[in-house]
C-alpha atoms as a PDB file:
ATOM      1  CA  MET A   1      89.034  46.371  86.860  1.00  0.00           C
ATOM      2  CA  LYS A   2      91.581  44.222  85.057  1.00  0.00           C
ATOM      3  CA  LEU A   3      88.837  41.680  84.556  1.00  0.00           C
ATOM      4  CA  PHE A   4      86.575  44.321  82.902  1.00  0.00           C
ATOM      5  CA  ARG A   5      89.754  45.551  80.676  1.00  0.00           C
ATOM      6  CA  SER A   6      90.141  42.025  79.379  1.00  0.00           C
ATOM      7  CA  LEU A   7      86.580  41.318  78.572  1.00  0.00           C
ATOM      8  CA  PHE A   8      86.420  44.362  76.722  1.00  0.00           C
ATOM      9  CA  SER A   9      89.504  43.745  74.949  1.00  0.00           C
ATOM     10  CA  GLY A  10      88.465  40.234  73.876  1.00  0.00           C
ATOM     11  CA  SER A  11      84.994  41.880  72.734  1.00  0.00           C
ATOM     12  CA  ALA A  12      86.599  44.319  70.605  1.00  0.00           C
ATOM     13  CA  MET A  13      88.893  41.618  69.103  1.00  0.00           C
ATOM     14  CA  CYS A  14      85.850  39.296  68.335  1.00  0.00           C
ATOM     15  CA  ALA A  15      84.191  42.464  66.707  1.00  0.00           C
ATOM     16  CA  ALA A  16      87.224  43.221  64.579  1.00  0.00           C
ATOM     17  CA  LEU A  17      87.567  39.737  63.529  1.00  0.00           C
ATOM     18  CA  CYS A  18      84.028  39.550  62.416  1.00  0.00           C
ATOM     19  CA  GLY A  19      84.142  42.662  60.312  1.00  0.00           C
ATOM     20  CA  MET A  20      87.073  41.344  58.574  1.00  0.00           C
ATOM     21  CA  LEU A  21      85.278  38.188  57.640  1.00  0.00           C
ATOM     22  CA  ALA A  22      82.188  39.895  56.735  1.00  0.00           C
ATOM     23  CA  ALA A  23      84.403  42.206  54.395  1.00  0.00           C
ATOM     24  CA  GLN A  24      85.888  39.175  52.649  1.00  0.00           C
ATOM     25  CA  GLU A  25      82.484  37.495  52.042  1.00  0.00           C
ATOM     26  CA  PRO A  26      81.381  38.073  48.463  1.00  0.00           C
ATOM     27  CA  ARG A  27      77.900  39.701  48.306  1.00  0.00           C
ATOM     28  CA  LEU A  28      75.456  39.156  45.420  1.00  0.00           C
ATOM     29  CA  SER A  29      73.974  42.051  43.678  1.00  0.00           C
ATOM     30  CA  PRO A  30      70.264  41.949  43.240  1.00  0.00           C
ATOM     31  CA  ALA A  31      70.800  41.378  39.416  1.00  0.00           C
ATOM     32  CA  ALA A  32      73.224  38.439  40.292  1.00  0.00           C
ATOM     33  CA  LYS A  33      70.879  36.650  42.461  1.00  0.00           C
ATOM     34  CA  PRO A  34      70.114  33.304  41.094  1.00  0.00           C
ATOM     35  CA  PRO A  35      66.710  32.926  39.028  1.00  0.00           C
ATOM     36  CA  GLN A  36      63.698  31.549  40.948  1.00  0.00           C
ATOM     37  CA  ALA A  37      62.388  28.422  39.187  1.00  0.00           C
ATOM     38  CA  LYS A  38      58.821  28.610  38.151  1.00  0.00           C
ATOM     39  CA  PRO A  39      56.505  26.643  39.895  1.00  0.00           C
ATOM     40  CA  ALA A  40      55.528  23.309  37.949  1.00  0.00           C
ATOM     41  CA  ARG A  41      52.368  23.635  36.105  1.00  0.00           C
ATOM     42  CA  PRO A  42      49.703  21.450  38.175  1.00  0.00           C
ATOM     43  CA  ASN A  43      48.940  18.196  36.650  1.00  0.00           C
ATOM     44  CA  PHE A  44      44.951  17.871  37.281  1.00  0.00           C
ATOM     45  CA  PHE A  45      44.862  14.663  35.372  1.00  0.00           C
ATOM     46  CA  GLY A  46      47.574  12.841  37.140  1.00  0.00           C
ATOM     47  CA  LEU A  47      49.360  11.999  33.823  1.00  0.00           C
ATOM     48  CA  ALA A  48      52.565  10.602  33.346  1.00  0.00           C
ATOM     49  CA  PRO A  49      55.040  13.026  31.611  1.00  0.00           C
ATOM     50  CA  PRO A  50      54.632  13.345  27.983  1.00  0.00           C
ATOM     51  CA  PRO A  51      56.708  10.844  25.933  1.00  0.00           C
ATOM     52  CA  ASP A  52      59.571  11.805  23.764  1.00  0.00           C
ATOM     53  CA  PRO A  53      58.219  12.956  20.424  1.00  0.00           C
ATOM     54  CA  ALA A  54      61.048  11.105  18.681  1.00  0.00           C
ATOM     55  CA  ALA A  55      60.023   7.907  20.391  1.00  0.00           C
ATOM     56  CA  VAL A  56      56.413   8.469  19.556  1.00  0.00           C
ATOM     57  CA  GLU A  57      57.263   8.687  15.927  1.00  0.00           C
ATOM     58  CA  ARG A  58      59.340   5.417  15.976  1.00  0.00           C
ATOM     59  CA  GLY A  59      56.834   3.951  17.904  1.00  0.00           C
ATOM     60  CA  GLN A  60      53.825   4.904  15.654  1.00  0.00           C
ATOM     61  CA  ALA A  61      55.649   3.504  12.430  1.00  0.00           C
ATOM     62  CA  ARG A  62      56.199   0.097  13.976  1.00  0.00           C
ATOM     63  CA  PHE A  63      53.025   0.054  15.699  1.00  0.00           C
ATOM     64  CA  VAL A  64      51.240   0.533  12.264  1.00  0.00           C
ATOM     65  CA  SER A  65      53.214  -2.087  10.493  1.00  0.00           C
ATOM     66  CA  ASN A  66      52.886  -4.765  13.182  1.00  0.00           C
ATOM     67  CA  CYS A  67      49.784  -4.112  15.202  1.00  0.00           C
ATOM     68  CA  GLY A  68      47.622  -1.898  13.246  1.00  0.00           C
ATOM     69  CA  PHE A  69      46.013  -4.739  11.126  1.00  0.00           C
ATOM     70  CA  CYS A  70      44.097  -5.880  14.393  1.00  0.00           C
ATOM     71  CA  HIS A  71      44.058  -2.797  16.704  1.00  0.00           C
ATOM     72  CA  GLY A  72      43.681  -0.118  13.934  1.00  0.00           C
ATOM     73  CA  SER A  73      46.481   2.472  12.901  1.00  0.00           C
ATOM     74  CA  GLU A  74      45.304   4.574  15.844  1.00  0.00           C
ATOM     75  CA  ALA A  75      45.113   1.910  18.415  1.00  0.00           C
ATOM     76  CA  LYS A  76      41.272   2.381  18.508  1.00  0.00           C
ATOM     77  CA  GLY A  77      40.411  -1.033  17.501  1.00  0.00           C
ATOM     78  CA  GLY A  78      40.294  -2.687  14.310  1.00  0.00           C
ATOM     79  CA  SER A  79      39.270  -6.076  12.676  1.00  0.00           C
ATOM     80  CA  SER A  80      39.925  -8.368  15.585  1.00  0.00           C
ATOM     81  CA  GLY A  81      41.880  -6.271  18.249  1.00  0.00           C
ATOM     82  CA  PRO A  82      40.347  -4.272  21.177  1.00  0.00           C
ATOM     83  CA  ASP A  83      40.790  -0.422  21.648  1.00  0.00           C
ATOM     84  CA  LEU A  84      44.065   0.088  23.317  1.00  0.00           C
ATOM     85  CA  ILE A  85      43.646   3.748  23.939  1.00  0.00           C
ATOM     86  CA  ARG A  86      41.601   2.974  26.921  1.00  0.00           C
ATOM     87  CA  SER A  87      43.045  -0.304  27.768  1.00  0.00           C
ATOM     88  CA  VAL A  88      43.749  -0.684  31.736  1.00  0.00           C
ATOM     89  CA  LEU A  89      47.385  -2.626  30.784  1.00  0.00           C
ATOM     90  CA  VAL A  90      48.204   0.398  28.600  1.00  0.00           C
ATOM     91  CA  LEU A  91      47.111   2.968  31.114  1.00  0.00           C
ATOM     92  CA  HIS A  92      49.177   1.242  33.802  1.00  0.00           C
ATOM     93  CA  ASP A  93      52.112   1.054  31.719  1.00  0.00           C
ATOM     94  CA  GLU A  94      52.677   4.791  31.392  1.00  0.00           C
ATOM     95  CA  GLY A  95      54.758   4.511  28.645  1.00  0.00           C
ATOM     96  CA  SER A  96      57.623   2.241  30.292  1.00  0.00           C
ATOM     97  CA  GLY A  97      56.878  -0.880  28.264  1.00  0.00           C
ATOM     98  CA  LYS A  98      57.055  -2.985  31.679  1.00  0.00           C
ATOM     99  CA  GLU A  99      53.373  -4.015  31.299  1.00  0.00           C
ATOM    100  CA  ILE A 100      53.005  -4.337  27.441  1.00  0.00           C
ATOM    101  CA  GLY A 101      56.299  -5.695  26.957  1.00  0.00           C
ATOM    102  CA  PRO A 102      55.403  -9.252  27.985  1.00  0.00           C
ATOM    103  CA  VAL A 103      52.099  -9.352  25.915  1.00  0.00           C
ATOM    104  CA  ILE A 104      54.136  -8.168  22.951  1.00  0.00           C
ATOM    105  CA  LEU A 105      56.911 -10.555  23.532  1.00  0.00           C
ATOM    106  CA  ASN A 106      54.665 -13.758  24.323  1.00  0.00           C
ATOM    107  CA  GLY A 107      51.369 -12.855  22.544  1.00  0.00           C
ATOM    108  CA  ARG A 108      47.722 -13.968  23.546  1.00  0.00           C
ATOM    109  CA  PRO A 109      47.281 -17.156  21.692  1.00  0.00           C
ATOM    110  CA  GLY A 110      44.033 -17.641  23.324  1.00  0.00           C
ATOM    111  CA  LYS A 111      42.760 -14.424  21.909  1.00  0.00           C
ATOM    112  CA  GLY A 112      44.325 -14.776  18.591  1.00  0.00           C
ATOM    113  CA  MET A 113      47.405 -12.558  18.955  1.00  0.00           C
ATOM    114  CA  PRO A 114      50.839 -13.770  18.073  1.00  0.00           C
ATOM    115  CA  LYS A 115      54.124 -13.045  19.763  1.00  0.00           C
ATOM    116  CA  PHE A 116      56.403 -10.578  18.335  1.00  0.00           C
ATOM    117  CA  ASP A 117      60.172 -10.566  18.309  1.00  0.00           C
ATOM    118  CA  MET A 118      61.084  -7.001  19.211  1.00  0.00           C
ATOM    119  CA  THR A 119      63.896  -5.437  21.381  1.00  0.00           C
ATOM    120  CA  GLU A 120      63.259  -3.527  24.543  1.00  0.00           C
ATOM    121  CA  PRO A 121      63.727  -0.163  23.021  1.00  0.00           C
ATOM    122  CA  GLN A 122      61.214  -1.341  20.420  1.00  0.00           C
ATOM    123  CA  ILE A 123      58.846  -2.026  23.111  1.00  0.00           C
ATOM    124  CA  LYS A 124      59.232   1.201  24.626  1.00  0.00           C
ATOM    125  CA  ASP A 125      58.888   3.202  21.549  1.00  0.00           C
ATOM    126  CA  ILE A 126      55.530   1.625  21.072  1.00  0.00           C
ATOM    127  CA  ALA A 127      54.716   2.193  24.653  1.00  0.00           C
ATOM    128  CA  ALA A 128      55.560   5.897  24.050  1.00  0.00           C
ATOM    129  CA  PHE A 129      53.255   5.947  21.178  1.00  0.00           C
ATOM    130  CA  LEU A 130      50.338   4.605  22.952  1.00  0.00           C
ATOM    131  CA  LEU A 131      50.932   6.794  25.793  1.00  0.00           C
ATOM    132  CA  SER A 132      50.638   9.780  23.499  1.00  0.00           C
ATOM    133  CA  LEU A 133      47.382   8.550  22.279  1.00  0.00           C
ATOM    134  CA  SER A 134      45.834   7.914  25.677  1.00  0.00           C
ATOM    135  CA  GLN A 135      47.205  11.198  27.020  1.00  0.00           C
ATOM    136  CA  ALA A 136      45.584  13.119  24.243  1.00  0.00           C
ATOM    137  CA  ALA A 137      42.254  11.237  24.927  1.00  0.00           C
ATOM    138  CA  VAL A 138      42.276  12.462  28.361  1.00  0.00           C
ATOM    139  CA  ASN A 139      43.633  16.105  28.187  1.00  0.00           C
ATOM    140  CA  ARG A 140      41.001  17.712  26.208  1.00  0.00           C
ATOM    141  CA  GLY A 141      42.526  21.031  26.511  1.00  0.00           C
ATOM    142  CA  GLU A 142      45.209  19.816  23.841  1.00  0.00           C
ATOM    143  CA  TYR A 143      42.482  18.875  21.356  1.00  0.00           C
ATOM    144  CA  LYS A 144      43.162  20.869  18.098  1.00  0.00           C
ATOM    145  CA  ILE A 145      40.133  21.166  15.906  1.00  0.00           C
ATOM    146  CA  LEU A 146      40.515  20.464  12.381  1.00  0.00           C
ATOM    147  CA  ASN A 147      38.545  21.307   9.132  1.00  0.00           C
ATOM    148  CA  VAL A 148      34.780  21.071  10.039  1.00  0.00           C
ATOM    149  CA  VAL A 149      33.699  22.347   6.477  1.00  0.00           C
ATOM    150  CA  THR A 150      33.163  18.973   5.014  1.00  0.00           C
ATOM    151  CA  GLY A 151      29.373  19.222   3.808  1.00  0.00           C
ATOM    152  CA  ASP A 152      27.607  19.699   0.730  1.00  0.00           C
ATOM    153  CA  ALA A 153      26.864  23.512  -0.015  1.00  0.00           C
ATOM    154  CA  SER A 154      23.874  22.986  -2.481  1.00  0.00           C
ATOM    155  CA  ALA A 155      22.096  20.467   0.110  1.00  0.00           C
ATOM    156  CA  GLY A 156      22.914  23.081   2.852  1.00  0.00           C
ATOM    157  CA  LYS A 157      21.135  25.535   0.913  1.00  0.00           C
ATOM    158  CA  VAL A 158      18.198  23.277   0.342  1.00  0.00           C
ATOM    159  CA  TYR A 159      17.915  22.710   3.991  1.00  0.00           C
ATOM    160  CA  PHE A 160      18.229  26.475   4.797  1.00  0.00           C
ATOM    161  CA  GLU A 161      15.363  27.416   2.677  1.00  0.00           C
ATOM    162  CA  SER A 162      12.856  25.021   3.940  1.00  0.00           C
ATOM    163  CA  HIS A 163      13.812  25.418   7.677  1.00  0.00           C
ATOM    164  CA  CYS A 164      15.629  28.860   8.235  1.00  0.00           C
ATOM    165  CA  ALA A 165      14.650  31.218   5.443  1.00  0.00           C
ATOM    166  CA  GLU A 166      11.331  32.293   7.689  1.00  0.00           C
ATOM    167  CA  CYS A 167      13.772  34.137  10.170  1.00  0.00           C
ATOM    168  CA  HIS A 168      17.088  34.508   8.204  1.00  0.00           C
ATOM    169  CA  SER A 169      18.015  35.692   4.880  1.00  0.00           C
ATOM    170  CA  PRO A 170      21.456  35.218   2.915  1.00  0.00           C
ATOM    171  CA  THR A 171      21.114  38.841   1.712  1.00  0.00           C
ATOM    172  CA  GLY A 172      19.785  40.380   5.006  1.00  0.00           C
ATOM    173  CA  ASP A 173      20.928  39.625   8.318  1.00  0.00           C
ATOM    174  CA  LEU A 174      23.223  36.632   7.113  1.00  0.00           C
ATOM    175  CA  ALA A 175      24.801  38.701   4.221  1.00  0.00           C
ATOM    176  CA  GLY A 176      28.880  38.161   4.789  1.00  0.00           C
ATOM    177  CA  ILE A 177      28.506  36.051   7.846  1.00  0.00           C
ATOM    178  CA  ALA A 178      31.140  33.780   6.917  1.00  0.00           C
ATOM    179  CA  ALA A 179      33.681  36.716   6.625  1.00  0.00           C
ATOM    180  CA  LYS A 180      32.726  37.828  10.462  1.00  0.00           C
ATOM    181  CA  TYR A 181      33.154  34.279  12.145  1.00  0.00           C
ATOM    182  CA  ASP A 182      35.620  31.392  11.279  1.00  0.00           C
ATOM    183  CA  PRO A 183      33.870  28.067  10.570  1.00  0.00           C
ATOM    184  CA  VAL A 184      34.078  26.706  14.155  1.00  0.00           C
ATOM    185  CA  ALA A 185      32.477  29.890  15.563  1.00  0.00           C
ATOM    186  CA  LEU A 186      29.800  29.743  12.861  1.00  0.00           C
ATOM    187  CA  GLN A 187      28.735  26.250  13.542  1.00  0.00           C
ATOM    188  CA  SER A 188      28.343  26.987  17.221  1.00  0.00           C
ATOM    189  CA  ARG A 189      26.285  30.238  16.517  1.00  0.00           C
ATOM    190  CA  PHE A 190      23.603  28.350  14.406  1.00  0.00           C
ATOM    191  CA  LEU A 191      23.638  25.300  16.735  1.00  0.00           C
ATOM    192  CA  TYR A 192      23.783  27.034  19.813  1.00  0.00           C
ATOM    193  CA  PRO A 193      22.983  30.728  19.811  1.00  0.00           C
ATOM    194  CA  GLU A 194      24.973  33.115  22.208  1.00  0.00           C
ATOM    195  CA  SER A 195      22.231  33.783  24.392  1.00  0.00           C
ATOM    196  CA  ARG A 196      21.424  29.989  24.874  1.00  0.00           C
ATOM    197  CA  ARG A 197      25.082  29.175  25.143  1.00  0.00           C
ATOM    198  CA  ASN A 198      25.299  31.797  28.164  1.00  0.00           C
ATOM    199  CA  ALA A 199      22.712  30.627  30.439  1.00  0.00           C
ATOM    200  CA  GLY A 200      20.918  33.542  32.179  1.00  0.00           C
ATOM    201  CA  ALA A 201      22.896  36.356  29.984  1.00  0.00           C
ATOM    202  CA  ALA A 202      20.405  39.082  28.943  1.00  0.00           C
ATOM    203  CA  ARG A 203      19.429  38.849  25.540  1.00  0.00           C
ATOM    204  CA  THR A 204      19.170  42.056  23.225  1.00  0.00           C
ATOM    205  CA  GLY A 205      17.588  42.946  19.929  1.00  0.00           C
ATOM    206  CA  ARG A 206      16.114  40.293  17.717  1.00  0.00           C
ATOM    207  CA  ALA A 207      16.793  37.605  20.207  1.00  0.00           C
ATOM    208  CA  THR A 208      14.990  39.122  23.088  1.00  0.00           C
ATOM    209  CA  PRO A 209      11.920  36.936  24.212  1.00  0.00           C
ATOM    210  CA  THR A 210       8.616  38.357  24.929  1.00  0.00           C
ATOM    211  CA  VAL A 211       5.456  37.555  26.845  1.00  0.00           C
ATOM    212  CA  THR A 212       1.843  38.335  26.854  1.00  0.00           C
ATOM    213  CA  VAL A 213      -0.206  37.630  29.848  1.00  0.00           C
ATOM    214  CA  THR A 214      -3.922  37.649  29.594  1.00  0.00           C
ATOM    215  CA  LEU A 215      -5.583  38.038  32.940  1.00  0.00           C
ATOM    216  CA  PRO A 216      -9.317  36.575  33.952  1.00  0.00           C
ATOM    217  CA  ASP A 217     -11.058  39.737  32.952  1.00  0.00           C
ATOM    218  CA  GLY A 218      -9.755  39.534  29.576  1.00  0.00           C
ATOM    219  CA  SER A 219      -6.887  42.398  29.666  1.00  0.00           C
ATOM    220  CA  ALA A 220      -3.702  41.589  28.482  1.00  0.00           C
ATOM    221  CA  LEU A 221      -0.372  42.827  29.282  1.00  0.00           C
ATOM    222  CA  SER A 222       2.783  42.432  27.008  1.00  0.00           C
ATOM    223  CA  GLY A 223       6.668  43.164  27.534  1.00  0.00           C
ATOM    224  CA  THR A 224      10.075  41.671  27.691  1.00  0.00           C
ATOM    225  CA  LEU A 225      10.035  38.456  29.329  1.00  0.00           C
ATOM    226  CA  VAL A 226      12.130  38.256  32.723  1.00  0.00           C
ATOM    227  CA  HIS A 227      11.569  34.861  34.286  1.00  0.00           C
ATOM    228  CA  VAL A 228       9.050  31.974  33.571  1.00  0.00           C
ATOM    229  CA  ASP A 229       8.632  28.843  35.550  1.00  0.00           C
ATOM    230  CA  ASP A 230       5.666  26.231  36.561  1.00  0.00           C
ATOM    231  CA  PHE A 231       4.615  28.717  39.039  1.00  0.00           C
ATOM    232  CA  ASN A 232       5.211  32.403  38.103  1.00  0.00           C
ATOM    233  CA  VAL A 233       5.697  34.617  35.150  1.00  0.00           C
ATOM    234  CA  SER A 234       7.402  38.091  35.171  1.00  0.00           C
ATOM    235  CA  LEU A 235       8.096  40.742  32.547  1.00  0.00           C
ATOM    236  CA  ARG A 236       8.830  44.544  32.020  1.00  0.00           C
ATOM    237  CA  ASP A 237       6.553  46.465  30.036  1.00  0.00           C
ATOM    238  CA  SER A 238       7.449  49.069  27.668  1.00  0.00           C
ATOM    239  CA  SER A 239       7.462  51.966  30.578  1.00  0.00           C
ATOM    240  CA  GLY A 240      10.144  49.792  32.246  1.00  0.00           C
ATOM    241  CA  ALA A 241       7.652  48.717  34.966  1.00  0.00           C
ATOM    242  CA  TYR A 242       8.499  45.157  36.512  1.00  0.00           C
ATOM    243  CA  ARG A 243       5.255  42.924  36.681  1.00  0.00           C
ATOM    244  CA  SER A 244       4.780  39.494  38.069  1.00  0.00           C
ATOM    245  CA  PHE A 245       1.881  36.939  37.957  1.00  0.00           C
ATOM    246  CA  LEU A 246       0.948  33.799  39.516  1.00  0.00           C
ATOM    247  CA  LEU A 247       0.247  31.113  37.028  1.00  0.00           C
ATOM    248  CA  GLY A 248      -1.776  29.139  39.386  1.00  0.00           C
ATOM    249  CA  ALA A 249      -4.645  31.748  39.613  1.00  0.00           C
ATOM    250  CA  ASP A 250      -7.606  30.875  37.593  1.00  0.00           C
ATOM    251  CA  GLY A 251      -7.833  32.263  34.176  1.00  0.00           C
ATOM    252  CA  VAL A 252      -4.157  33.534  33.839  1.00  0.00           C
ATOM    253  CA  LYS A 253      -2.826  32.735  30.302  1.00  0.00           C
ATOM    254  CA  ILE A 254       0.421  33.321  28.934  1.00  0.00           C
ATOM    255  CA  GLU A 255       2.033  33.236  25.239  1.00  0.00           C
ATOM    256  CA  VAL A 256       5.605  33.359  25.081  1.00  0.00           C
ATOM    257  CA  ARG A 257       7.461  34.276  21.948  1.00  0.00           C
ATOM    258  CA  ASP A 258      11.152  33.220  21.971  1.00  0.00           C
ATOM    259  CA  PRO A 259      13.102  33.986  18.624  1.00  0.00           C
ATOM    260  CA  LEU A 260      15.613  31.288  19.446  1.00  0.00           C
ATOM    261  CA  LYS A 261      12.885  28.536  19.931  1.00  0.00           C
ATOM    262  CA  GLY A 262      13.595  27.531  16.128  1.00  0.00           C
ATOM    263  CA  HIS A 263      17.160  26.903  17.063  1.00  0.00           C
ATOM    264  CA  GLN A 264      16.168  24.809  19.934  1.00  0.00           C
ATOM    265  CA  ASP A 265      13.826  22.781  18.206  1.00  0.00           C
ATOM    266  CA  LEU A 266      16.001  21.952  15.208  1.00  0.00           C
ATOM    267  CA  LEU A 267      18.659  20.540  17.582  1.00  0.00           C
ATOM    268  CA  GLY A 268      16.298  17.745  17.949  1.00  0.00           C
ATOM    269  CA  GLU A 269      15.885  17.305  13.947  1.00  0.00           C
ATOM    270  CA  TYR A 270      19.287  17.592  12.874  1.00  0.00           C
ATOM    271  CA  ARG A 271      21.152  14.705  11.263  1.00  0.00           C
ATOM    272  CA  ASP A 272      24.850  15.066  11.150  1.00  0.00           C
ATOM    273  CA  ALA A 273      24.637  15.404   7.597  1.00  0.00           C
ATOM    274  CA  ASP A 274      22.311  18.379   7.725  1.00  0.00           C
ATOM    275  CA  MET A 275      24.631  20.299  10.240  1.00  0.00           C
ATOM    276  CA  HIS A 276      27.626  19.977   7.831  1.00  0.00           C
ATOM    277  CA  ASN A 277      25.805  20.848   5.057  1.00  0.00           C
ATOM    278  CA  ILE A 278      24.427  23.985   6.574  1.00  0.00           C
ATOM    279  CA  LEU A 279      27.982  25.025   7.668  1.00  0.00           C
ATOM    280  CA  ALA A 280      29.252  24.375   4.048  1.00  0.00           C
ATOM    281  CA  TYR A 281      26.374  26.716   2.863  1.00  0.00           C
ATOM    282  CA  LEU A 282      26.775  29.423   5.548  1.00  0.00           C
ATOM    283  CA  GLU A 283      30.510  29.403   4.366  1.00  0.00           C
ATOM    284  CA  THR A 284      29.614  30.609   0.884  1.00  0.00           C
ATOM    285  CA  LEU A 285      28.037  33.725   2.391  1.00  0.00           C
ATOM    286  CA  LYS A 286      31.062  36.086   2.162  1.00  0.00           C
END
């Protein structure tokens, strides 16, 4: 009995002590909880951390004045120096200067490159500049489209009238087209019409391809083209009925009319100047 009272007394004292300690322990309110760090954005290309912009600016100025004559002002290669953006040495350097430093300081006499007297910080600035260029080449998601309206509008009008006017009109379906789309979107639309850029998407309106199937007995059925390959053709007629035909059958002929075929054909004919000129002309249709 004494032993029981002793154990009970000890348990009570322990419980009381724990309660006092708990009362003294500060508790964080929900609002006072430390903020959770956001997960780092995944680096899908395995790139080194981007260099300091100030170092890139200093490195660019030094590179252009000392290296630009041979390697080009953007390090893409010049009169006698190779492209450094895709240089394995530059890629392995990752902006540290440890790989390119010895080359800068010692030169490559056998390849016509002189040595340069630079400090370690100056070499690191050049390394930062080269790293920024190589990362920009790899990470296409950061690419910024600049002005694409560089062609001759009058030459574009001539090309349009001889190649496009049969289907399109600057006062009809293309009236005000430049006010509806920015230059990049407009260029994309005439080079790769929406229904072609979204493979498999259903076309509507003027862009809908149609097909006429002529059977061995001479009868013909027409409708909206659903699918065609080397073996079968299927269509949906005016009543909405689905029809499919085997192309291997004797006497079955098909005629597909694709309103976008002209765009596809022109892709194989355009010169760079033609595309720029057409865009410049379309930009006048506001």
